[in-house]
Each structure stands twice: as structure tokens, then as C-alpha cells.
Amino acid sequence: MNTTKHVTNKGQATTEIPNKLINEKSPYLLQHAYNPVNWYPRGSTGGSQVTAPR
């Protein structure tokens, strides 16, 4: 599984940061909660960030 990790104290510790899927109930979505991609669940406001090209 890919995880997002932030290294602190010159490489002595790491912290995993979840994405927005961490609050979902689906086991499939939860297994991707620590992927280094800012995933949005289907039907959420994720599409509102997309803008049309000018």
C-alpha cells in the first residue's frame, strides 16, 4: 500500500497523513485513505475544484 509520510527530526520519525477517503465506510475506499493522492469520494465537492480552460 502506498502511504503519504512526512519525515520529521532528520529522518527519525514519520507521520502518515490520510486523504479525504479516511471518513468513508467502504472497505475499498478505506484501503486507499493513505495514498499520496488527494482522492474525493464520488458525489462530493471534488468536481467543484475543476475549472474550464479559457
C-alpha atoms as a PDB file:
ATOM      1  CA  MET A   1       0.000   0.000   0.000  1.00  0.00           C
ATOM      2  CA  ASN A   2       1.270   3.473  -0.817  1.00  0.00           C
ATOM      3  CA  THR A   3       1.293   5.898   2.074  1.00  0.00           C
ATOM      4  CA  THR A   4       1.931   9.581   2.474  1.00  0.00           C
ATOM      5  CA  LYS A   5       4.662  10.079   5.037  1.00  0.00           C
ATOM      6  CA  HIS A   6       6.188  13.243   6.395  1.00  0.00           C
ATOM      7  CA  VAL A   7       9.666  12.865   7.846  1.00  0.00           C
ATOM      8  CA  THR A   8      10.493  14.813  10.984  1.00  0.00           C
ATOM      9  CA  ASN A   9      13.536  15.149  13.239  1.00  0.00           C
ATOM     10  CA  LYS A  10      16.076  14.485  10.487  1.00  0.00           C
ATOM     11  CA  GLY A  11      14.540  11.176   9.412  1.00  0.00           C
ATOM     12  CA  GLN A  12      13.948   9.745  12.871  1.00  0.00           C
ATOM     13  CA  ALA A  13      10.120   9.648  12.720  1.00  0.00           C
ATOM     14  CA  THR A  14       7.362   9.627  10.142  1.00  0.00           C
ATOM     15  CA  THR A  15       3.708  10.665  10.245  1.00  0.00           C
ATOM     16  CA  GLU A  16       1.119   9.240   7.870  1.00  0.00           C
ATOM     17  CA  ILE A  17      -1.375  11.807   6.572  1.00  0.00           C
ATOM     18  CA  PRO A  18      -4.752  10.462   5.351  1.00  0.00           C
ATOM     19  CA  ASN A  19      -6.671  11.893   2.402  1.00  0.00           C
ATOM     20  CA  LYS A  20     -10.442  12.598   2.302  1.00  0.00           C
ATOM     21  CA  LEU A  21     -11.311   8.897   1.954  1.00  0.00           C
ATOM     22  CA  ILE A  22     -10.491   8.302   5.627  1.00  0.00           C
ATOM     23  CA  ASN A  23     -14.090   9.204   6.564  1.00  0.00           C
ATOM     24  CA  GLU A  24     -15.727   6.726   4.171  1.00  0.00           C
ATOM     25  CA  LYS A  25     -17.395   3.448   5.212  1.00  0.00           C
ATOM     26  CA  SER A  26     -16.461   1.366   2.178  1.00  0.00           C
ATOM     27  CA  PRO A  27     -13.558  -1.052   2.825  1.00  0.00           C
ATOM     28  CA  TYR A  28     -12.354  -0.450  -0.738  1.00  0.00           C
ATOM     29  CA  LEU A  29     -12.172   3.318  -0.252  1.00  0.00           C
ATOM     30  CA  LEU A  30     -10.601   2.976   3.203  1.00  0.00           C
ATOM     31  CA  GLN A  31      -7.728   0.918   1.823  1.00  0.00           C
ATOM     32  CA  HIS A  32      -6.789   3.974  -0.259  1.00  0.00           C
ATOM     33  CA  ALA A  33      -7.116   6.502   2.582  1.00  0.00           C
ATOM     34  CA  TYR A  34      -3.342   6.885   2.905  1.00  0.00           C
ATOM     35  CA  ASN A  35      -2.481   7.037  -0.797  1.00  0.00           C
ATOM     36  CA  PRO A  36      -0.465  10.132  -1.747  1.00  0.00           C
ATOM     37  CA  VAL A  37      -3.328  11.353  -3.962  1.00  0.00           C
ATOM     38  CA  ASN A  38      -5.991  13.801  -2.848  1.00  0.00           C
ATOM     39  CA  TRP A  39      -8.914  11.493  -3.693  1.00  0.00           C
ATOM     40  CA  TYR A  40     -12.514  12.597  -3.282  1.00  0.00           C
ATOM     41  CA  PRO A  41     -15.411  10.183  -2.771  1.00  0.00           C
ATOM     42  CA  ARG A  42     -17.950  10.046  -5.604  1.00  0.00           C
ATOM     43  CA  GLY A  43     -20.578  12.770  -5.382  1.00  0.00           C
ATOM     44  CA  SER A  44     -18.546  15.012  -3.067  1.00  0.00           C
ATOM     45  CA  THR A  45     -17.415  18.536  -3.846  1.00  0.00           C
ATOM     46  CA  GLY A  46     -14.259  17.329  -5.592  1.00  0.00           C
ATOM     47  CA  GLY A  47     -15.560  18.293  -9.015  1.00  0.00           C
ATOM     48  CA  SER A  48     -16.088  21.876  -7.938  1.00  0.00           C
ATOM     49  CA  GLN A  49     -12.318  22.403  -7.999  1.00  0.00           C
ATOM     50  CA  VAL A  50     -12.143  21.697 -11.729  1.00  0.00           C
ATOM     51  CA  THR A  51     -12.248  24.775 -13.920  1.00  0.00           C
ATOM     52  CA  ALA A  52     -12.869  25.037 -17.643  1.00  0.00           C
ATOM     53  CA  PRO A  53      -9.929  26.100 -19.806  1.00  0.00           C
ATOM     54  CA  ARG A  54     -10.046  29.661 -21.097  1.00  0.00           C
END
